[in-house]
Amino acid sequence: EYLTDDKLCAGFLDSGMSVCKGDSGGGL
């Protein structure tokens, strides 16, 4: 539901690596 038209996916699955709380607003 949150993968709207203006979003893209990035990252890893099941790796323990991710953006987290407090990283919002930063640039990719």
mmCIF file of all heavy atoms, coordinates in Angstrom:
data_MODEL
# 
_entry.id   MODEL 
# 
loop_
_atom_site.group_PDB 
_atom_site.id 
_atom_site.type_symbol 
_atom_site.label_atom_id 
_atom_site.label_alt_id 
_atom_site.label_comp_id 
_atom_site.label_asym_id 
_atom_site.label_entity_id 
_atom_site.label_seq_id 
_atom_site.pdbx_PDB_ins_code 
_atom_site.Cartn_x 
_atom_site.Cartn_y 
_atom_site.Cartn_z 
_atom_site.occupancy 
_atom_site.B_iso_or_equiv 
_atom_site.pdbx_formal_charge 
_atom_site.auth_seq_id 
_atom_site.auth_comp_id 
_atom_site.auth_asym_id 
_atom_site.auth_atom_id 
_atom_site.pdbx_PDB_model_num 
ATOM 1   N N   . GLU A 1 1  ? 0.822  -1.210  0.000  1.00 0.00 ? 1  GLU A N   1 
ATOM 2   C CA  . GLU A 1 1  ? 0.000  0.000   0.000  1.00 0.00 ? 1  GLU A CA  1 
ATOM 3   C C   . GLU A 1 1  ? 0.859  1.264   0.000  1.00 0.00 ? 1  GLU A C   1 
ATOM 4   O O   . GLU A 1 1  ? 0.410  2.324   -0.447 1.00 0.00 ? 1  GLU A O   1 
ATOM 5   C CB  . GLU A 1 1  ? -0.924 0.011   1.218  1.00 0.00 ? 1  GLU A CB  1 
ATOM 6   C CG  . GLU A 1 1  ? -1.982 -1.079  1.217  1.00 0.00 ? 1  GLU A CG  1 
ATOM 7   C CD  . GLU A 1 1  ? -2.885 -0.984  2.426  1.00 0.00 ? 1  GLU A CD  1 
ATOM 8   O OE1 . GLU A 1 1  ? -2.882 0.080   3.087  1.00 0.00 ? 1  GLU A OE1 1 
ATOM 9   O OE2 . GLU A 1 1  ? -3.594 -1.960  2.715  1.00 0.00 ? 1  GLU A OE2 1 
ATOM 10  N N   . TYR A 1 2  ? 2.076  1.154   0.494  1.00 0.00 ? 2  TYR A N   1 
ATOM 11  C CA  . TYR A 1 2  ? 2.952  2.321   0.615  1.00 0.00 ? 2  TYR A CA  1 
ATOM 12  C C   . TYR A 1 2  ? 3.880  2.481   -0.589 1.00 0.00 ? 2  TYR A C   1 
ATOM 13  O O   . TYR A 1 2  ? 4.606  3.462   -0.681 1.00 0.00 ? 2  TYR A O   1 
ATOM 14  C CB  . TYR A 1 2  ? 3.774  2.220   1.895  1.00 0.00 ? 2  TYR A CB  1 
ATOM 15  C CG  . TYR A 1 2  ? 2.923  2.275   3.137  1.00 0.00 ? 2  TYR A CG  1 
ATOM 16  C CD1 . TYR A 1 2  ? 2.387  1.115   3.691  1.00 0.00 ? 2  TYR A CD1 1 
ATOM 17  C CD2 . TYR A 1 2  ? 2.627  3.498   3.739  1.00 0.00 ? 2  TYR A CD2 1 
ATOM 18  C CE1 . TYR A 1 2  ? 1.584  1.166   4.823  1.00 0.00 ? 2  TYR A CE1 1 
ATOM 19  C CE2 . TYR A 1 2  ? 1.828  3.560   4.864  1.00 0.00 ? 2  TYR A CE2 1 
ATOM 20  C CZ  . TYR A 1 2  ? 1.305  2.396   5.400  1.00 0.00 ? 2  TYR A CZ  1 
ATOM 21  O OH  . TYR A 1 2  ? 0.501  2.455   6.510  1.00 0.00 ? 2  TYR A OH  1 
ATOM 22  N N   . LEU A 1 3  ? 3.856  1.506   -1.496 1.00 0.00 ? 3  LEU A N   1 
ATOM 23  C CA  . LEU A 1 3  ? 4.666  1.617   -2.705 1.00 0.00 ? 3  LEU A CA  1 
ATOM 24  C C   . LEU A 1 3  ? 3.864  2.394   -3.753 1.00 0.00 ? 3  LEU A C   1 
ATOM 25  O O   . LEU A 1 3  ? 3.402  1.860   -4.762 1.00 0.00 ? 3  LEU A O   1 
ATOM 26  C CB  . LEU A 1 3  ? 5.050  0.227   -3.235 1.00 0.00 ? 3  LEU A CB  1 
ATOM 27  C CG  . LEU A 1 3  ? 6.039  0.205   -4.408 1.00 0.00 ? 3  LEU A CG  1 
ATOM 28  C CD1 . LEU A 1 3  ? 7.358  0.868   -4.031 1.00 0.00 ? 3  LEU A CD1 1 
ATOM 29  C CD2 . LEU A 1 3  ? 6.269  -1.219  -4.882 1.00 0.00 ? 3  LEU A CD2 1 
ATOM 30  N N   . THR A 1 4  ? 3.695  3.683   -3.519 1.00 0.00 ? 4  THR A N   1 
ATOM 31  C CA  . THR A 1 4  ? 2.929  4.544   -4.414 1.00 0.00 ? 4  THR A CA  1 
ATOM 32  C C   . THR A 1 4  ? 3.751  4.863   -5.663 1.00 0.00 ? 4  THR A C   1 
ATOM 33  O O   . THR A 1 4  ? 4.945  4.551   -5.744 1.00 0.00 ? 4  THR A O   1 
ATOM 34  C CB  . THR A 1 4  ? 2.524  5.834   -3.695 1.00 0.00 ? 4  THR A CB  1 
ATOM 35  O OG1 . THR A 1 4  ? 3.696  6.438   -3.118 1.00 0.00 ? 4  THR A OG1 1 
ATOM 36  C CG2 . THR A 1 4  ? 1.536  5.533   -2.570 1.00 0.00 ? 4  THR A CG2 1 
ATOM 37  N N   . ASP A 1 5  ? 3.111  5.495   -6.640 1.00 0.00 ? 5  ASP A N   1 
ATOM 38  C CA  . ASP A 1 5  ? 3.771  5.753   -7.924 1.00 0.00 ? 5  ASP A CA  1 
ATOM 39  C C   . ASP A 1 5  ? 5.034  6.599   -7.801 1.00 0.00 ? 5  ASP A C   1 
ATOM 40  O O   . ASP A 1 5  ? 5.902  6.541   -8.676 1.00 0.00 ? 5  ASP A O   1 
ATOM 41  C CB  . ASP A 1 5  ? 2.798  6.450   -8.877 1.00 0.00 ? 5  ASP A CB  1 
ATOM 42  C CG  . ASP A 1 5  ? 1.701  5.527   -9.363 1.00 0.00 ? 5  ASP A CG  1 
ATOM 43  O OD1 . ASP A 1 5  ? 1.871  4.301   -9.226 1.00 0.00 ? 5  ASP A OD1 1 
ATOM 44  O OD2 . ASP A 1 5  ? 0.680  6.031   -9.869 1.00 0.00 ? 5  ASP A OD2 1 
ATOM 45  N N   . ASP A 1 6  ? 5.127  7.400   -6.751 1.00 0.00 ? 6  ASP A N   1 
ATOM 46  C CA  . ASP A 1 6  ? 6.289  8.280   -6.602 1.00 0.00 ? 6  ASP A CA  1 
ATOM 47  C C   . ASP A 1 6  ? 7.387  7.667   -5.737 1.00 0.00 ? 6  ASP A C   1 
ATOM 48  O O   . ASP A 1 6  ? 8.323  8.359   -5.350 1.00 0.00 ? 6  ASP A O   1 
ATOM 49  C CB  . ASP A 1 6  ? 5.863  9.632   -6.026 1.00 0.00 ? 6  ASP A CB  1 
ATOM 50  C CG  . ASP A 1 6  ? 5.377  9.533   -4.593 1.00 0.00 ? 6  ASP A CG  1 
ATOM 51  O OD1 . ASP A 1 6  ? 4.964  8.437   -4.169 1.00 0.00 ? 6  ASP A OD1 1 
ATOM 52  O OD2 . ASP A 1 6  ? 5.408  10.561  -3.881 1.00 0.00 ? 6  ASP A OD2 1 
ATOM 53  N N   . LYS A 1 7  ? 7.297  6.381   -5.444 1.00 0.00 ? 7  LYS A N   1 
ATOM 54  C CA  . LYS A 1 7  ? 8.286  5.720   -4.590 1.00 0.00 ? 7  LYS A CA  1 
ATOM 55  C C   . LYS A 1 7  ? 9.127  4.735   -5.385 1.00 0.00 ? 7  LYS A C   1 
ATOM 56  O O   . LYS A 1 7  ? 8.700  4.184   -6.402 1.00 0.00 ? 7  LYS A O   1 
ATOM 57  C CB  . LYS A 1 7  ? 7.591  4.967   -3.453 1.00 0.00 ? 7  LYS A CB  1 
ATOM 58  C CG  . LYS A 1 7  ? 6.808  5.836   -2.486 1.00 0.00 ? 7  LYS A CG  1 
ATOM 59  C CD  . LYS A 1 7  ? 7.702  6.757   -1.675 1.00 0.00 ? 7  LYS A CD  1 
ATOM 60  C CE  . LYS A 1 7  ? 6.927  7.451   -0.568 1.00 0.00 ? 7  LYS A CE  1 
ATOM 61  N NZ  . LYS A 1 7  ? 5.883  8.360   -1.084 1.00 0.00 ? 7  LYS A NZ  1 
ATOM 62  N N   . LEU A 1 8  ? 10.332 4.487   -4.883 1.00 0.00 ? 8  LEU A N   1 
ATOM 63  C CA  . LEU A 1 8  ? 11.154 3.401   -5.386 1.00 0.00 ? 8  LEU A CA  1 
ATOM 64  C C   . LEU A 1 8  ? 11.675 2.588   -4.214 1.00 0.00 ? 8  LEU A C   1 
ATOM 65  O O   . LEU A 1 8  ? 11.717 3.065   -3.068 1.00 0.00 ? 8  LEU A O   1 
ATOM 66  C CB  . LEU A 1 8  ? 12.298 3.907   -6.269 1.00 0.00 ? 8  LEU A CB  1 
ATOM 67  C CG  . LEU A 1 8  ? 13.351 4.868   -5.706 1.00 0.00 ? 8  LEU A CG  1 
ATOM 68  C CD1 . LEU A 1 8  ? 14.423 4.139   -4.907 1.00 0.00 ? 8  LEU A CD1 1 
ATOM 69  C CD2 . LEU A 1 8  ? 14.010 5.632   -6.848 1.00 0.00 ? 8  LEU A CD2 1 
ATOM 70  N N   . CYS A 1 9  ? 12.044 1.367   -4.502 1.00 0.00 ? 9  CYS A N   1 
ATOM 71  C CA  . CYS A 1 9  ? 12.587 0.443   -3.497 1.00 0.00 ? 9  CYS A CA  1 
ATOM 72  C C   . CYS A 1 9  ? 14.112 0.473   -3.554 1.00 0.00 ? 9  CYS A C   1 
ATOM 73  O O   . CYS A 1 9  ? 14.695 0.558   -4.635 1.00 0.00 ? 9  CYS A O   1 
ATOM 74  C CB  . CYS A 1 9  ? 12.148 -0.982  -3.803 1.00 0.00 ? 9  CYS A CB  1 
ATOM 75  S SG  . CYS A 1 9  ? 10.602 -1.469  -3.039 1.00 0.00 ? 9  CYS A SG  1 
ATOM 76  N N   . ALA A 1 10 ? 14.719 0.349   -2.410 1.00 0.00 ? 10 ALA A N   1 
ATOM 77  C CA  . ALA A 1 10 ? 16.168 0.186   -2.355 1.00 0.00 ? 10 ALA A CA  1 
ATOM 78  C C   . ALA A 1 10 ? 16.513 -0.555  -1.078 1.00 0.00 ? 10 ALA A C   1 
ATOM 79  O O   . ALA A 1 10 ? 15.805 -0.458  -0.073 1.00 0.00 ? 10 ALA A O   1 
ATOM 80  C CB  . ALA A 1 10 ? 16.879 1.536   -2.400 1.00 0.00 ? 10 ALA A CB  1 
ATOM 81  N N   . GLY A 1 11 ? 17.608 -1.310  -1.111 1.00 0.00 ? 11 GLY A N   1 
ATOM 82  C CA  . GLY A 1 11 ? 18.045 -2.001  0.098  1.00 0.00 ? 11 GLY A CA  1 
ATOM 83  C C   . GLY A 1 11 ? 18.233 -3.483  -0.111 1.00 0.00 ? 11 GLY A C   1 
ATOM 84  O O   . GLY A 1 11 ? 18.408 -3.971  -1.228 1.00 0.00 ? 11 GLY A O   1 
ATOM 85  N N   . PHE A 1 12 ? 18.184 -4.222  1.001  1.00 0.00 ? 12 PHE A N   1 
ATOM 86  C CA  . PHE A 1 12 ? 18.428 -5.654  1.007  1.00 0.00 ? 12 PHE A CA  1 
ATOM 87  C C   . PHE A 1 12 ? 17.308 -6.362  1.763  1.00 0.00 ? 12 PHE A C   1 
ATOM 88  O O   . PHE A 1 12 ? 16.644 -5.768  2.612  1.00 0.00 ? 12 PHE A O   1 
ATOM 89  C CB  . PHE A 1 12 ? 19.757 -5.969  1.706  1.00 0.00 ? 12 PHE A CB  1 
ATOM 90  C CG  . PHE A 1 12 ? 20.948 -5.245  1.126  1.00 0.00 ? 12 PHE A CG  1 
ATOM 91  C CD1 . PHE A 1 12 ? 21.323 -3.999  1.608  1.00 0.00 ? 12 PHE A CD1 1 
ATOM 92  C CD2 . PHE A 1 12 ? 21.695 -5.820  0.115  1.00 0.00 ? 12 PHE A CD2 1 
ATOM 93  C CE1 . PHE A 1 12 ? 22.418 -3.334  1.094  1.00 0.00 ? 12 PHE A CE1 1 
ATOM 94  C CE2 . PHE A 1 12 ? 22.788 -5.156  -0.407 1.00 0.00 ? 12 PHE A CE2 1 
ATOM 95  C CZ  . PHE A 1 12 ? 23.161 -3.909  0.080  1.00 0.00 ? 12 PHE A CZ  1 
ATOM 96  N N   . LEU A 1 13 ? 17.126 -7.639  1.475  1.00 0.00 ? 13 LEU A N   1 
ATOM 97  C CA  . LEU A 1 13 ? 16.207 -8.474  2.242  1.00 0.00 ? 13 LEU A CA  1 
ATOM 98  C C   . LEU A 1 13 ? 17.008 -9.402  3.148  1.00 0.00 ? 13 LEU A C   1 
ATOM 99  O O   . LEU A 1 13 ? 18.031 -9.961  2.738  1.00 0.00 ? 13 LEU A O   1 
ATOM 100 C CB  . LEU A 1 13 ? 15.331 -9.316  1.310  1.00 0.00 ? 13 LEU A CB  1 
ATOM 101 C CG  . LEU A 1 13 ? 14.207 -8.593  0.564  1.00 0.00 ? 13 LEU A CG  1 
ATOM 102 C CD1 . LEU A 1 13 ? 13.455 -9.592  -0.297 1.00 0.00 ? 13 LEU A CD1 1 
ATOM 103 C CD2 . LEU A 1 13 ? 13.261 -7.909  1.529  1.00 0.00 ? 13 LEU A CD2 1 
ATOM 104 N N   . ASP A 1 14 ? 16.542 -9.545  4.389  1.00 0.00 ? 14 ASP A N   1 
ATOM 105 C CA  . ASP A 1 14 ? 17.119 -10.520 5.332  1.00 0.00 ? 14 ASP A CA  1 
ATOM 106 C C   . ASP A 1 14 ? 18.630 -10.359 5.470  1.00 0.00 ? 14 ASP A C   1 
ATOM 107 O O   . ASP A 1 14 ? 19.376 -11.331 5.476  1.00 0.00 ? 14 ASP A O   1 
ATOM 108 C CB  . ASP A 1 14 ? 16.784 -11.955 4.879  1.00 0.00 ? 14 ASP A CB  1 
ATOM 109 C CG  . ASP A 1 14 ? 15.293 -12.162 4.712  1.00 0.00 ? 14 ASP A CG  1 
ATOM 110 O OD1 . ASP A 1 14 ? 14.531 -11.621 5.536  1.00 0.00 ? 14 ASP A OD1 1 
ATOM 111 O OD2 . ASP A 1 14 ? 14.888 -12.858 3.759  1.00 0.00 ? 14 ASP A OD2 1 
ATOM 112 N N   . SER A 1 15 ? 19.071 -9.120  5.588  1.00 0.00 ? 15 SER A N   1 
ATOM 113 C CA  . SER A 1 15 ? 20.514 -8.890  5.682  1.00 0.00 ? 15 SER A CA  1 
ATOM 114 C C   . SER A 1 15 ? 20.909 -8.135  6.937  1.00 0.00 ? 15 SER A C   1 
ATOM 115 O O   . SER A 1 15 ? 22.083 -8.056  7.276  1.00 0.00 ? 15 SER A O   1 
ATOM 116 C CB  . SER A 1 15 ? 20.986 -8.085  4.468  1.00 0.00 ? 15 SER A CB  1 
ATOM 117 O OG  . SER A 1 15 ? 20.436 -6.786  4.530  1.00 0.00 ? 15 SER A OG  1 
ATOM 118 N N   . GLY A 1 16 ? 19.917 -7.511  7.614  1.00 0.00 ? 16 GLY A N   1 
ATOM 119 C CA  . GLY A 1 16 ? 20.227 -6.697  8.780  1.00 0.00 ? 16 GLY A CA  1 
ATOM 120 C C   . GLY A 1 16 ? 20.773 -5.331  8.433  1.00 0.00 ? 16 GLY A C   1 
ATOM 121 O O   . GLY A 1 16 ? 21.304 -4.633  9.289  1.00 0.00 ? 16 GLY A O   1 
ATOM 122 N N   . MET A 1 17 ? 20.627 -4.932  7.174  1.00 0.00 ? 17 MET A N   1 
ATOM 123 C CA  . MET A 1 17 ? 21.105 -3.617  6.745  1.00 0.00 ? 17 MET A CA  1 
ATOM 124 C C   . MET A 1 17 ? 19.926 -2.802  6.252  1.00 0.00 ? 17 MET A C   1 
ATOM 125 O O   . MET A 1 17 ? 19.181 -3.243  5.378  1.00 0.00 ? 17 MET A O   1 
ATOM 126 C CB  . MET A 1 17 ? 22.154 -3.747  5.632  1.00 0.00 ? 17 MET A CB  1 
ATOM 127 C CG  . MET A 1 17 ? 23.413 -4.459  6.073  1.00 0.00 ? 17 MET A CG  1 
ATOM 128 S SD  . MET A 1 17 ? 24.705 -4.466  4.805  1.00 0.00 ? 17 MET A SD  1 
ATOM 129 C CE  . MET A 1 17 ? 24.010 -5.605  3.619  1.00 0.00 ? 17 MET A CE  1 
ATOM 130 N N   . SER A 1 18 ? 19.761 -1.584  6.781  1.00 0.00 ? 18 SER A N   1 
ATOM 131 C CA  . SER A 1 18 ? 18.595 -0.789  6.415  1.00 0.00 ? 18 SER A CA  1 
ATOM 132 C C   . SER A 1 18 ? 18.747 0.643   6.898  1.00 0.00 ? 18 SER A C   1 
ATOM 133 O O   . SER A 1 18 ? 19.493 0.922   7.830  1.00 0.00 ? 18 SER A O   1 
ATOM 134 C CB  . SER A 1 18 ? 17.338 -1.401  7.044  1.00 0.00 ? 18 SER A CB  1 
ATOM 135 O OG  . SER A 1 18 ? 16.209 -0.589  6.830  1.00 0.00 ? 18 SER A OG  1 
ATOM 136 N N   . VAL A 1 19 ? 17.981 1.546   6.233  1.00 0.00 ? 19 VAL A N   1 
ATOM 137 C CA  . VAL A 1 19 ? 17.770 2.846   6.851  1.00 0.00 ? 19 VAL A CA  1 
ATOM 138 C C   . VAL A 1 19 ? 16.855 2.627   8.044  1.00 0.00 ? 19 VAL A C   1 
ATOM 139 O O   . VAL A 1 19 ? 16.123 1.643   8.122  1.00 0.00 ? 19 VAL A O   1 
ATOM 140 C CB  . VAL A 1 19 ? 17.115 3.838   5.859  1.00 0.00 ? 19 VAL A CB  1 
ATOM 141 C CG1 . VAL A 1 19 ? 18.097 4.212   4.780  1.00 0.00 ? 19 VAL A CG1 1 
ATOM 142 C CG2 . VAL A 1 19 ? 15.838 3.269   5.271  1.00 0.00 ? 19 VAL A CG2 1 
ATOM 143 N N   . CYS A 1 20 ? 16.902 3.542   9.015  1.00 0.00 ? 20 CYS A N   1 
ATOM 144 C CA  . CYS A 1 20 ? 16.131 3.332   10.233 1.00 0.00 ? 20 CYS A CA  1 
ATOM 145 C C   . CYS A 1 20 ? 15.605 4.668   10.742 1.00 0.00 ? 20 CYS A C   1 
ATOM 146 O O   . CYS A 1 20 ? 15.833 5.726   10.129 1.00 0.00 ? 20 CYS A O   1 
ATOM 147 C CB  . CYS A 1 20 ? 17.009 2.650   11.285 1.00 0.00 ? 20 CYS A CB  1 
ATOM 148 S SG  . CYS A 1 20 ? 16.080 1.783   12.579 1.00 0.00 ? 20 CYS A SG  1 
ATOM 149 N N   . LYS A 1 21 ? 14.891 4.628   11.850 1.00 0.00 ? 21 LYS A N   1 
ATOM 150 C CA  . LYS A 1 21 ? 14.295 5.824   12.410 1.00 0.00 ? 21 LYS A CA  1 
ATOM 151 C C   . LYS A 1 21 ? 15.360 6.903   12.616 1.00 0.00 ? 21 LYS A C   1 
ATOM 152 O O   . LYS A 1 21 ? 16.411 6.661   13.184 1.00 0.00 ? 21 LYS A O   1 
ATOM 153 C CB  . LYS A 1 21 ? 13.641 5.486   13.754 1.00 0.00 ? 21 LYS A CB  1 
ATOM 154 C CG  . LYS A 1 21 ? 12.894 6.659   14.385 1.00 0.00 ? 21 LYS A CG  1 
ATOM 155 C CD  . LYS A 1 21 ? 12.236 6.238   15.676 1.00 0.00 ? 21 LYS A CD  1 
ATOM 156 C CE  . LYS A 1 21 ? 11.509 7.419   16.317 1.00 0.00 ? 21 LYS A CE  1 
ATOM 157 N NZ  . LYS A 1 21 ? 10.870 7.048   17.599 1.00 0.00 ? 21 LYS A NZ  1 
ATOM 158 N N   . GLY A 1 22 ? 15.081 8.098   12.141 1.00 0.00 ? 22 GLY A N   1 
ATOM 159 C CA  . GLY A 1 22 ? 16.033 9.202   12.230 1.00 0.00 ? 22 GLY A CA  1 
ATOM 160 C C   . GLY A 1 22 ? 16.762 9.479   10.939 1.00 0.00 ? 22 GLY A C   1 
ATOM 161 O O   . GLY A 1 22 ? 17.378 10.534  10.778 1.00 0.00 ? 22 GLY A O   1 
ATOM 162 N N   . ASP A 1 23 ? 16.692 8.524   9.986  1.00 0.00 ? 23 ASP A N   1 
ATOM 163 C CA  . ASP A 1 23 ? 17.334 8.731   8.684  1.00 0.00 ? 23 ASP A CA  1 
ATOM 164 C C   . ASP A 1 23 ? 16.409 9.421   7.689  1.00 0.00 ? 23 ASP A C   1 
ATOM 165 O O   . ASP A 1 23 ? 16.843 9.814   6.603  1.00 0.00 ? 23 ASP A O   1 
ATOM 166 C CB  . ASP A 1 23 ? 17.782 7.388   8.094  1.00 0.00 ? 23 ASP A CB  1 
ATOM 167 C CG  . ASP A 1 23 ? 18.883 6.739   8.905  1.00 0.00 ? 23 ASP A CG  1 
ATOM 168 O OD1 . ASP A 1 23 ? 19.789 7.472   9.344  1.00 0.00 ? 23 ASP A OD1 1 
ATOM 169 O OD2 . ASP A 1 23 ? 18.830 5.522   9.113  1.00 0.00 ? 23 ASP A OD2 1 
ATOM 170 N N   . SER A 1 24 ? 15.122 9.546   8.044  1.00 0.00 ? 24 SER A N   1 
ATOM 171 C CA  . SER A 1 24 ? 14.141 10.161  7.147  1.00 0.00 ? 24 SER A CA  1 
ATOM 172 C C   . SER A 1 24 ? 14.611 11.515  6.632  1.00 0.00 ? 24 SER A C   1 
ATOM 173 O O   . SER A 1 24 ? 15.235 12.290  7.360  1.00 0.00 ? 24 SER A O   1 
ATOM 174 C CB  . SER A 1 24 ? 12.810 10.348  7.873  1.00 0.00 ? 24 SER A CB  1 
ATOM 175 O OG  . SER A 1 24 ? 12.206 9.120   8.151  1.00 0.00 ? 24 SER A OG  1 
ATOM 176 N N   . GLY A 1 25 ? 14.283 11.799  5.382  1.00 0.00 ? 25 GLY A N   1 
ATOM 177 C CA  . GLY A 1 25 ? 14.635 13.090  4.799  1.00 0.00 ? 25 GLY A CA  1 
ATOM 178 C C   . GLY A 1 25 ? 16.003 13.125  4.150  1.00 0.00 ? 25 GLY A C   1 
ATOM 179 O O   . GLY A 1 25 ? 16.296 14.020  3.355  1.00 0.00 ? 25 GLY A O   1 
ATOM 180 N N   . GLY A 1 26 ? 16.855 12.169  4.485  1.00 0.00 ? 26 GLY A N   1 
ATOM 181 C CA  . GLY A 1 26 ? 18.180 12.118  3.874  1.00 0.00 ? 26 GLY A CA  1 
ATOM 182 C C   . GLY A 1 26 ? 18.089 11.777  2.402  1.00 0.00 ? 26 GLY A C   1 
ATOM 183 O O   . GLY A 1 26 ? 17.105 11.217  1.927  1.00 0.00 ? 26 GLY A O   1 
ATOM 184 N N   . GLY A 1 27 ? 19.125 12.088  1.661  1.00 0.00 ? 27 GLY A N   1 
ATOM 185 C CA  . GLY A 1 27 ? 19.107 11.839  0.228  1.00 0.00 ? 27 GLY A CA  1 
ATOM 186 C C   . GLY A 1 27 ? 19.658 10.480  -0.132 1.00 0.00 ? 27 GLY A C   1 
ATOM 187 O O   . GLY A 1 27 ? 20.573 9.963   0.515  1.00 0.00 ? 27 GLY A O   1 
ATOM 188 N N   . LEU A 1 28 ? 19.075 9.868   -1.159 1.00 0.00 ? 28 LEU A N   1 
ATOM 189 C CA  . LEU A 1 28 ? 19.656 8.709   -1.810 1.00 0.00 ? 28 LEU A CA  1 
ATOM 190 C C   . LEU A 1 28 ? 20.383 9.237   -3.035 1.00 0.00 ? 28 LEU A C   1 
ATOM 191 O O   . LEU A 1 28 ? 19.758 9.854   -3.913 1.00 0.00 ? 28 LEU A O   1 
ATOM 192 C CB  . LEU A 1 28 ? 18.578 7.705   -2.214 1.00 0.00 ? 28 LEU A CB  1 
ATOM 193 C CG  . LEU A 1 28 ? 19.085 6.425   -2.893 1.00 0.00 ? 28 LEU A CG  1 
ATOM 194 C CD1 . LEU A 1 28 ? 19.771 5.529   -1.875 1.00 0.00 ? 28 LEU A CD1 1 
ATOM 195 C CD2 . LEU A 1 28 ? 17.943 5.679   -3.564 1.00 0.00 ? 28 LEU A CD2 1 
# 
